[in-house]
Amino acid sequence: MAYTTQEGRTQILEDTADAATELARALAVLGEAYEHLDEQTAELMEQRLFRPLQGAYGQLNRTRTEFAARSALVARELAPVPTPAPEGPRVSLEHAADAISDADQMLAELQDTLLPVEVGDQQLRAGLSEVRSAISPLPEICDEMVRNVGR
């Protein structure tokens, strides 16, 4: 399928916005889980999951907005993620793992399209790689925490 440079760049911005929304959803769900954990487990979750995820979310947003500026495009504002319904911490951690995995898959599919190579730039490619490196171990950490919550 042929596309113009602007169409390709717009697609990159849309795909990265969708991935960022999934990361925001995971952050919201982890915030909900935090409220239901004992202090020690909550601190561990914050250190191993929340902080790395928050950093990756920030990196992805910086990557997309800086790419938009370099491309003379406007990156759409991300819609606020609704507050998740109260659930037990295990369910919340499972939902976070799913959202993180979804975001990672979205970014992998974007990279597989070669759009970042064909109409992107080095900073975009580096930013996407950094985000994926940061989030790829997080679903497994969520799963590990699910196994240990309440024990």
N, C-alpha and C. Protein backbone atom coordinates (compact mmCIF):
# COMPACT_ATOMS: atom_id res chain seq x y z
N MET A 1 0.83 -1.17 0.00
CA MET A 1 0.00 0.00 0.00
C MET A 1 0.88 1.23 0.00
N ALA A 2 0.67 2.12 -0.91
CA ALA A 2 1.44 3.35 -1.00
C ALA A 2 0.84 4.40 -0.06
N TYR A 3 1.69 5.24 0.46
CA TYR A 3 1.26 6.32 1.33
C TYR A 3 2.23 7.48 1.17
N THR A 4 1.75 8.66 1.50
CA THR A 4 2.62 9.83 1.44
C THR A 4 3.41 9.91 2.74
N THR A 5 4.44 10.72 2.73
CA THR A 5 5.24 10.91 3.94
C THR A 5 4.36 11.43 5.07
N GLN A 6 3.50 12.39 4.77
CA GLN A 6 2.63 12.94 5.81
C GLN A 6 1.67 11.89 6.34
N GLU A 7 1.10 11.07 5.47
CA GLU A 7 0.20 10.00 5.93
C GLU A 7 0.94 9.01 6.83
N GLY A 8 2.16 8.66 6.45
CA GLY A 8 2.95 7.75 7.26
C GLY A 8 3.28 8.33 8.62
N ARG A 9 3.65 9.60 8.65
CA ARG A 9 3.96 10.25 9.93
C ARG A 9 2.71 10.39 10.80
N THR A 10 1.60 10.69 10.16
CA THR A 10 0.35 10.77 10.91
C THR A 10 0.00 9.41 11.51
N GLN A 11 0.22 8.35 10.75
CA GLN A 11 -0.04 7.00 11.27
C GLN A 11 0.87 6.69 12.45
N ILE A 12 2.13 7.09 12.38
CA ILE A 12 3.05 6.90 13.52
C ILE A 12 2.50 7.60 14.76
N LEU A 13 2.05 8.83 14.58
CA LEU A 13 1.52 9.59 15.72
C LEU A 13 0.27 8.94 16.30
N GLU A 14 -0.59 8.42 15.43
CA GLU A 14 -1.81 7.75 15.92
C GLU A 14 -1.45 6.46 16.66
N ASP A 15 -0.56 5.68 16.09
CA ASP A 15 -0.19 4.41 16.71
C ASP A 15 0.51 4.62 18.06
N THR A 16 1.38 5.63 18.13
CA THR A 16 2.06 5.89 19.40
C THR A 16 1.09 6.46 20.43
N ALA A 17 0.10 7.22 19.97
CA ALA A 17 -0.92 7.73 20.91
C ALA A 17 -1.73 6.57 21.48
N ASP A 18 -2.08 5.62 20.64
CA ASP A 18 -2.83 4.45 21.11
C ASP A 18 -2.02 3.66 22.13
N ALA A 19 -0.73 3.48 21.87
CA ALA A 19 0.14 2.76 22.82
C ALA A 19 0.27 3.55 24.12
N ALA A 20 0.40 4.86 24.02
CA ALA A 20 0.51 5.69 25.22
C ALA A 20 -0.77 5.60 26.05
N THR A 21 -1.91 5.53 25.40
CA THR A 21 -3.17 5.39 26.11
C THR A 21 -3.21 4.07 26.89
N GLU A 22 -2.70 3.01 26.30
CA GLU A 22 -2.63 1.73 27.01
C GLU A 22 -1.71 1.82 28.23
N LEU A 23 -0.58 2.51 28.07
CA LEU A 23 0.33 2.68 29.21
C LEU A 23 -0.34 3.51 30.30
N ALA A 24 -1.09 4.54 29.92
CA ALA A 24 -1.81 5.35 30.90
C ALA A 24 -2.84 4.51 31.63
N ARG A 25 -3.51 3.62 30.90
CA ARG A 25 -4.48 2.72 31.52
C ARG A 25 -3.78 1.81 32.54
N ALA A 26 -2.62 1.30 32.19
CA ALA A 26 -1.87 0.46 33.12
C ALA A 26 -1.46 1.24 34.36
N LEU A 27 -1.05 2.49 34.19
CA LEU A 27 -0.70 3.32 35.34
C LEU A 27 -1.90 3.52 36.26
N ALA A 28 -3.05 3.78 35.68
CA ALA A 28 -4.26 3.98 36.47
C ALA A 28 -4.62 2.72 37.25
N VAL A 29 -4.51 1.59 36.59
CA VAL A 29 -4.84 0.32 37.25
C VAL A 29 -3.84 0.01 38.36
N LEU A 30 -2.58 0.30 38.13
CA LEU A 30 -1.59 0.08 39.19
C LEU A 30 -1.85 1.01 40.37
N GLY A 31 -2.29 2.22 40.09
CA GLY A 31 -2.64 3.13 41.18
C GLY A 31 -3.78 2.57 42.02
N GLU A 32 -4.74 1.95 41.36
CA GLU A 32 -5.85 1.31 42.06
C GLU A 32 -5.33 0.13 42.89
N ALA A 33 -4.46 -0.68 42.33
CA ALA A 33 -3.92 -1.83 43.06
C ALA A 33 -3.14 -1.38 44.29
N TYR A 34 -2.41 -0.28 44.15
CA TYR A 34 -1.58 0.26 45.23
C TYR A 34 -2.40 0.49 46.49
N GLU A 35 -3.62 0.98 46.31
CA GLU A 35 -4.49 1.31 47.43
C GLU A 35 -4.89 0.08 48.25
N HIS A 36 -4.77 -1.11 47.67
CA HIS A 36 -5.25 -2.32 48.33
C HIS A 36 -4.12 -3.25 48.79
N LEU A 37 -2.90 -2.78 48.70
CA LEU A 37 -1.76 -3.61 49.07
C LEU A 37 -1.20 -3.19 50.43
N ASP A 38 -0.57 -4.13 51.10
CA ASP A 38 0.12 -3.77 52.33
C ASP A 38 1.30 -2.86 51.97
N GLU A 39 1.84 -2.19 52.95
CA GLU A 39 2.86 -1.17 52.70
C GLU A 39 4.10 -1.74 52.00
N GLN A 40 4.58 -2.88 52.44
CA GLN A 40 5.78 -3.47 51.85
C GLN A 40 5.55 -3.86 50.39
N THR A 41 4.43 -4.50 50.10
CA THR A 41 4.12 -4.90 48.73
C THR A 41 3.88 -3.68 47.85
N ALA A 42 3.21 -2.67 48.40
CA ALA A 42 2.95 -1.44 47.65
C ALA A 42 4.26 -0.75 47.27
N GLU A 43 5.20 -0.69 48.20
CA GLU A 43 6.50 -0.09 47.90
C GLU A 43 7.25 -0.88 46.83
N LEU A 44 7.17 -2.19 46.92
CA LEU A 44 7.81 -3.04 45.92
C LEU A 44 7.18 -2.83 44.54
N MET A 45 5.84 -2.75 44.50
CA MET A 45 5.17 -2.51 43.24
C MET A 45 5.56 -1.15 42.67
N GLU A 46 5.63 -0.15 43.52
CA GLU A 46 6.01 1.18 43.04
C GLU A 46 7.42 1.17 42.45
N GLN A 47 8.33 0.50 43.11
CA GLN A 47 9.72 0.45 42.65
C GLN A 47 9.87 -0.37 41.37
N ARG A 48 9.27 -1.55 41.33
CA ARG A 48 9.50 -2.47 40.22
C ARG A 48 8.59 -2.24 39.02
N LEU A 49 7.40 -1.68 39.26
CA LEU A 49 6.43 -1.53 38.17
C LEU A 49 6.08 -0.08 37.87
N PHE A 50 5.59 0.62 38.88
CA PHE A 50 5.03 1.94 38.64
C PHE A 50 6.08 2.92 38.11
N ARG A 51 7.22 3.01 38.79
CA ARG A 51 8.25 3.96 38.34
C ARG A 51 8.77 3.66 36.93
N PRO A 52 9.13 2.41 36.62
CA PRO A 52 9.58 2.14 35.25
C PRO A 52 8.48 2.41 34.21
N LEU A 53 7.24 2.07 34.56
CA LEU A 53 6.14 2.30 33.64
C LEU A 53 5.90 3.80 33.45
N GLN A 54 5.95 4.54 34.52
CA GLN A 54 5.77 5.99 34.43
C GLN A 54 6.87 6.62 33.58
N GLY A 55 8.10 6.14 33.75
CA GLY A 55 9.21 6.63 32.93
C GLY A 55 9.02 6.31 31.46
N ALA A 56 8.56 5.10 31.16
CA ALA A 56 8.32 4.70 29.77
C ALA A 56 7.18 5.50 29.16
N TYR A 57 6.15 5.75 29.94
CA TYR A 57 5.02 6.55 29.47
C TYR A 57 5.50 7.97 29.12
N GLY A 58 6.29 8.54 30.00
CA GLY A 58 6.84 9.87 29.73
C GLY A 58 7.73 9.88 28.50
N GLN A 59 8.56 8.86 28.36
CA GLN A 59 9.45 8.75 27.19
C GLN A 59 8.65 8.62 25.90
N LEU A 60 7.61 7.82 25.92
CA LEU A 60 6.80 7.66 24.72
C LEU A 60 6.12 8.98 24.34
N ASN A 61 5.61 9.69 25.32
CA ASN A 61 4.97 10.97 25.02
C ASN A 61 5.98 12.00 24.51
N ARG A 62 7.16 12.04 25.11
CA ARG A 62 8.21 12.95 24.61
C ARG A 62 8.60 12.58 23.18
N THR A 63 8.77 11.29 22.94
CA THR A 63 9.15 10.82 21.61
C THR A 63 8.12 11.25 20.57
N ARG A 64 6.85 11.05 20.87
CA ARG A 64 5.82 11.39 19.88
C ARG A 64 5.66 12.88 19.70
N THR A 65 5.71 13.66 20.77
CA THR A 65 5.54 15.11 20.60
C THR A 65 6.75 15.74 19.93
N GLU A 66 7.94 15.26 20.24
CA GLU A 66 9.13 15.79 19.58
C GLU A 66 9.15 15.40 18.11
N PHE A 67 8.73 14.18 17.80
CA PHE A 67 8.64 13.76 16.40
C PHE A 67 7.62 14.61 15.66
N ALA A 68 6.48 14.86 16.28
CA ALA A 68 5.46 15.70 15.65
C ALA A 68 6.02 17.09 15.36
N ALA A 69 6.75 17.65 16.30
CA ALA A 69 7.32 18.98 16.10
C ALA A 69 8.34 18.97 14.96
N ARG A 70 9.19 17.96 14.93
CA ARG A 70 10.19 17.87 13.85
C ARG A 70 9.53 17.66 12.50
N SER A 71 8.34 17.05 12.50
CA SER A 71 7.63 16.76 11.26
C SER A 71 6.62 17.84 10.89
N ALA A 72 6.56 18.90 11.68
CA ALA A 72 5.61 19.99 11.47
C ALA A 72 4.15 19.49 11.52
N LEU A 73 3.91 18.55 12.42
CA LEU A 73 2.56 18.02 12.65
C LEU A 73 2.19 18.28 14.10
N VAL A 74 0.95 18.06 14.42
CA VAL A 74 0.47 18.22 15.79
C VAL A 74 0.09 16.84 16.33
N ALA A 75 0.70 16.49 17.45
CA ALA A 75 0.35 15.23 18.10
C ALA A 75 -0.95 15.44 18.87
N ARG A 76 -1.92 14.59 18.64
CA ARG A 76 -3.20 14.75 19.32
C ARG A 76 -3.02 14.57 20.83
N GLU A 77 -3.83 15.33 21.55
CA GLU A 77 -3.83 15.21 22.99
C GLU A 77 -4.43 13.85 23.36
N LEU A 78 -3.86 13.25 24.37
CA LEU A 78 -4.39 11.96 24.82
C LEU A 78 -5.60 12.21 25.71
N ALA A 79 -6.64 11.45 25.48
CA ALA A 79 -7.83 11.56 26.32
C ALA A 79 -7.50 11.01 27.71
N PRO A 80 -8.05 11.64 28.73
CA PRO A 80 -7.82 11.11 30.07
C PRO A 80 -8.36 9.69 30.19
N VAL A 81 -7.65 8.88 30.91
CA VAL A 81 -8.09 7.51 31.13
C VAL A 81 -9.04 7.51 32.31
N PRO A 82 -10.20 6.89 32.17
CA PRO A 82 -11.15 6.88 33.29
C PRO A 82 -10.57 6.13 34.48
N THR A 83 -10.99 6.55 35.65
CA THR A 83 -10.56 5.87 36.86
C THR A 83 -11.10 4.44 36.84
N PRO A 84 -10.22 3.47 37.05
CA PRO A 84 -10.69 2.08 37.00
C PRO A 84 -11.61 1.76 38.18
N ALA A 85 -12.49 0.84 37.94
CA ALA A 85 -13.38 0.37 39.01
C ALA A 85 -12.54 -0.33 40.06
N PRO A 86 -12.92 -0.19 41.32
CA PRO A 86 -12.16 -0.88 42.37
C PRO A 86 -12.21 -2.40 42.17
N GLU A 87 -11.06 -2.99 42.21
CA GLU A 87 -10.93 -4.44 42.08
C GLU A 87 -9.87 -4.89 43.08
N GLY A 88 -9.76 -6.15 43.24
CA GLY A 88 -8.70 -6.66 44.08
C GLY A 88 -7.35 -6.43 43.42
N PRO A 89 -6.27 -6.41 44.19
CA PRO A 89 -4.96 -6.14 43.62
C PRO A 89 -4.51 -7.16 42.58
N ARG A 90 -4.89 -8.40 42.75
CA ARG A 90 -4.51 -9.41 41.75
C ARG A 90 -5.14 -9.11 40.40
N VAL A 91 -6.42 -8.81 40.39
CA VAL A 91 -7.11 -8.50 39.14
C VAL A 91 -6.53 -7.22 38.53
N SER A 92 -6.27 -6.22 39.37
CA SER A 92 -5.69 -4.98 38.88
C SER A 92 -4.32 -5.22 38.25
N LEU A 93 -3.51 -6.03 38.87
CA LEU A 93 -2.19 -6.34 38.31
C LEU A 93 -2.32 -7.10 36.99
N GLU A 94 -3.30 -7.98 36.90
CA GLU A 94 -3.53 -8.70 35.64
C GLU A 94 -3.95 -7.74 34.53
N HIS A 95 -4.81 -6.79 34.87
CA HIS A 95 -5.24 -5.79 33.88
C HIS A 95 -4.06 -4.91 33.45
N ALA A 96 -3.21 -4.57 34.40
CA ALA A 96 -2.03 -3.77 34.07
C ALA A 96 -1.12 -4.54 33.13
N ALA A 97 -0.91 -5.81 33.41
CA ALA A 97 -0.06 -6.64 32.55
C ALA A 97 -0.63 -6.70 31.14
N ASP A 98 -1.94 -6.83 31.03
CA ASP A 98 -2.59 -6.88 29.71
C ASP A 98 -2.40 -5.57 28.95
N ALA A 99 -2.60 -4.44 29.64
CA ALA A 99 -2.46 -3.13 28.99
C ALA A 99 -1.02 -2.88 28.55
N ILE A 100 -0.07 -3.27 29.38
CA ILE A 100 1.34 -3.09 29.02
C ILE A 100 1.69 -3.97 27.83
N SER A 101 1.22 -5.21 27.85
CA SER A 101 1.46 -6.11 26.72
C SER A 101 0.84 -5.58 25.44
N ASP A 102 -0.37 -5.02 25.56
CA ASP A 102 -1.03 -4.44 24.38
C ASP A 102 -0.21 -3.28 23.82
N ALA A 103 0.28 -2.41 24.70
CA ALA A 103 1.09 -1.28 24.24
C ALA A 103 2.37 -1.77 23.57
N ASP A 104 3.01 -2.76 24.16
CA ASP A 104 4.24 -3.30 23.58
C ASP A 104 3.95 -3.90 22.21
N GLN A 105 2.83 -4.61 22.08
CA GLN A 105 2.46 -5.20 20.80
C GLN A 105 2.19 -4.12 19.76
N MET A 106 1.52 -3.06 20.16
CA MET A 106 1.24 -1.96 19.23
C MET A 106 2.54 -1.34 18.71
N LEU A 107 3.48 -1.13 19.62
CA LEU A 107 4.76 -0.54 19.21
C LEU A 107 5.56 -1.51 18.34
N ALA A 108 5.49 -2.80 18.66
CA ALA A 108 6.19 -3.80 17.84
C ALA A 108 5.61 -3.82 16.43
N GLU A 109 4.30 -3.78 16.33
CA GLU A 109 3.66 -3.77 15.02
C GLU A 109 4.02 -2.52 14.24
N LEU A 110 4.09 -1.38 14.92
CA LEU A 110 4.51 -0.14 14.26
C LEU A 110 5.93 -0.29 13.72
N GLN A 111 6.81 -0.81 14.54
CA GLN A 111 8.19 -1.00 14.09
C GLN A 111 8.25 -1.97 12.92
N ASP A 112 7.42 -2.99 12.95
CA ASP A 112 7.40 -3.98 11.86
C ASP A 112 6.93 -3.40 10.54
N THR A 113 6.14 -2.34 10.58
CA THR A 113 5.66 -1.71 9.34
C THR A 113 6.78 -0.99 8.60
N LEU A 114 7.85 -0.72 9.28
CA LEU A 114 8.99 0.05 8.77
C LEU A 114 8.67 1.53 8.57
N LEU A 115 7.49 1.99 8.99
CA LEU A 115 7.19 3.42 8.93
C LEU A 115 8.24 4.25 9.68
N PRO A 116 8.68 3.84 10.88
CA PRO A 116 9.68 4.65 11.56
C PRO A 116 10.98 4.79 10.77
N VAL A 117 11.27 3.81 9.92
CA VAL A 117 12.48 3.88 9.08
C VAL A 117 12.21 4.71 7.84
N GLU A 118 11.06 4.48 7.22
CA GLU A 118 10.76 5.12 5.94
C GLU A 118 10.38 6.59 6.06
N VAL A 119 9.61 6.95 7.08
CA VAL A 119 9.17 8.34 7.20
C VAL A 119 9.49 8.94 8.57
N GLY A 120 10.13 8.15 9.42
CA GLY A 120 10.51 8.63 10.74
C GLY A 120 11.93 9.17 10.73
N ASP A 121 12.54 9.16 11.88
CA ASP A 121 13.93 9.61 12.00
C ASP A 121 14.61 8.83 13.12
N GLN A 122 15.89 9.06 13.28
CA GLN A 122 16.68 8.32 14.26
C GLN A 122 16.16 8.53 15.69
N GLN A 123 15.78 9.75 16.03
CA GLN A 123 15.29 10.02 17.38
C GLN A 123 14.01 9.24 17.66
N LEU A 124 13.13 9.17 16.68
CA LEU A 124 11.89 8.40 16.84
C LEU A 124 12.22 6.93 17.06
N ARG A 125 13.05 6.38 16.21
CA ARG A 125 13.39 4.95 16.32
C ARG A 125 14.04 4.65 17.67
N ALA A 126 14.94 5.52 18.11
CA ALA A 126 15.61 5.32 19.40
C ALA A 126 14.60 5.40 20.54
N GLY A 127 13.70 6.37 20.48
CA GLY A 127 12.70 6.50 21.53
C GLY A 127 11.79 5.30 21.62
N LEU A 128 11.33 4.81 20.47
CA LEU A 128 10.47 3.62 20.47
C LEU A 128 11.21 2.41 21.04
N SER A 129 12.46 2.26 20.68
CA SER A 129 13.25 1.14 21.20
C SER A 129 13.43 1.25 22.72
N GLU A 130 13.69 2.45 23.20
CA GLU A 130 13.86 2.65 24.64
C GLU A 130 12.58 2.30 25.39
N VAL A 131 11.46 2.75 24.86
CA VAL A 131 10.18 2.46 25.52
C VAL A 131 9.94 0.96 25.55
N ARG A 132 10.14 0.30 24.43
CA ARG A 132 9.91 -1.15 24.39
C ARG A 132 10.85 -1.89 25.33
N SER A 133 12.09 -1.44 25.41
CA SER A 133 13.03 -2.08 26.35
C SER A 133 12.57 -1.90 27.80
N ALA A 134 12.01 -0.74 28.09
CA ALA A 134 11.56 -0.47 29.46
C ALA A 134 10.31 -1.26 29.82
N ILE A 135 9.38 -1.42 28.88
CA ILE A 135 8.11 -2.07 29.23
C ILE A 135 8.10 -3.57 29.03
N SER A 136 8.99 -4.10 28.23
CA SER A 136 8.92 -5.53 27.91
C SER A 136 9.01 -6.45 29.14
N PRO A 137 9.79 -6.12 30.17
CA PRO A 137 9.81 -7.03 31.33
C PRO A 137 8.65 -6.82 32.30
N LEU A 138 7.88 -5.76 32.14
CA LEU A 138 6.88 -5.41 33.14
C LEU A 138 5.70 -6.39 33.25
N PRO A 139 5.17 -6.93 32.14
CA PRO A 139 4.09 -7.92 32.32
C PRO A 139 4.52 -9.13 33.16
N GLU A 140 5.74 -9.58 32.99
CA GLU A 140 6.23 -10.71 33.79
C GLU A 140 6.34 -10.31 35.27
N ILE A 141 6.75 -9.08 35.54
CA ILE A 141 6.82 -8.61 36.92
C ILE A 141 5.41 -8.53 37.51
N CYS A 142 4.45 -8.08 36.72
CA CYS A 142 3.04 -8.09 37.17
C CYS A 142 2.62 -9.50 37.54
N ASP A 143 2.90 -10.45 36.66
CA ASP A 143 2.52 -11.84 36.91
C ASP A 143 3.18 -12.37 38.18
N GLU A 144 4.44 -12.02 38.38
CA GLU A 144 5.16 -12.44 39.58
C GLU A 144 4.49 -11.86 40.83
N MET A 145 4.10 -10.60 40.75
CA MET A 145 3.45 -9.97 41.89
C MET A 145 2.07 -10.59 42.15
N VAL A 146 1.35 -10.95 41.09
CA VAL A 146 0.05 -11.60 41.26
C VAL A 146 0.23 -12.89 42.05
N ARG A 147 1.26 -13.64 41.73
CA ARG A 147 1.50 -14.90 42.44
C ARG A 147 1.83 -14.69 43.90
N ASN A 148 2.40 -13.55 44.24
CA ASN A 148 2.85 -13.31 45.61
C ASN A 148 1.92 -12.45 46.45
N VAL A 149 0.94 -11.81 45.85
CA VAL A 149 0.01 -10.96 46.61
C VAL A 149 -0.83 -11.82 47.53
N GLY A 150 -0.90 -11.41 48.77
CA GLY A 150 -1.73 -12.12 49.73
C GLY A 150 -1.11 -13.37 50.32
N ARG A 151 0.15 -13.57 50.06
CA ARG A 151 0.80 -14.77 50.61
C ARG A 151 1.66 -14.41 51.77
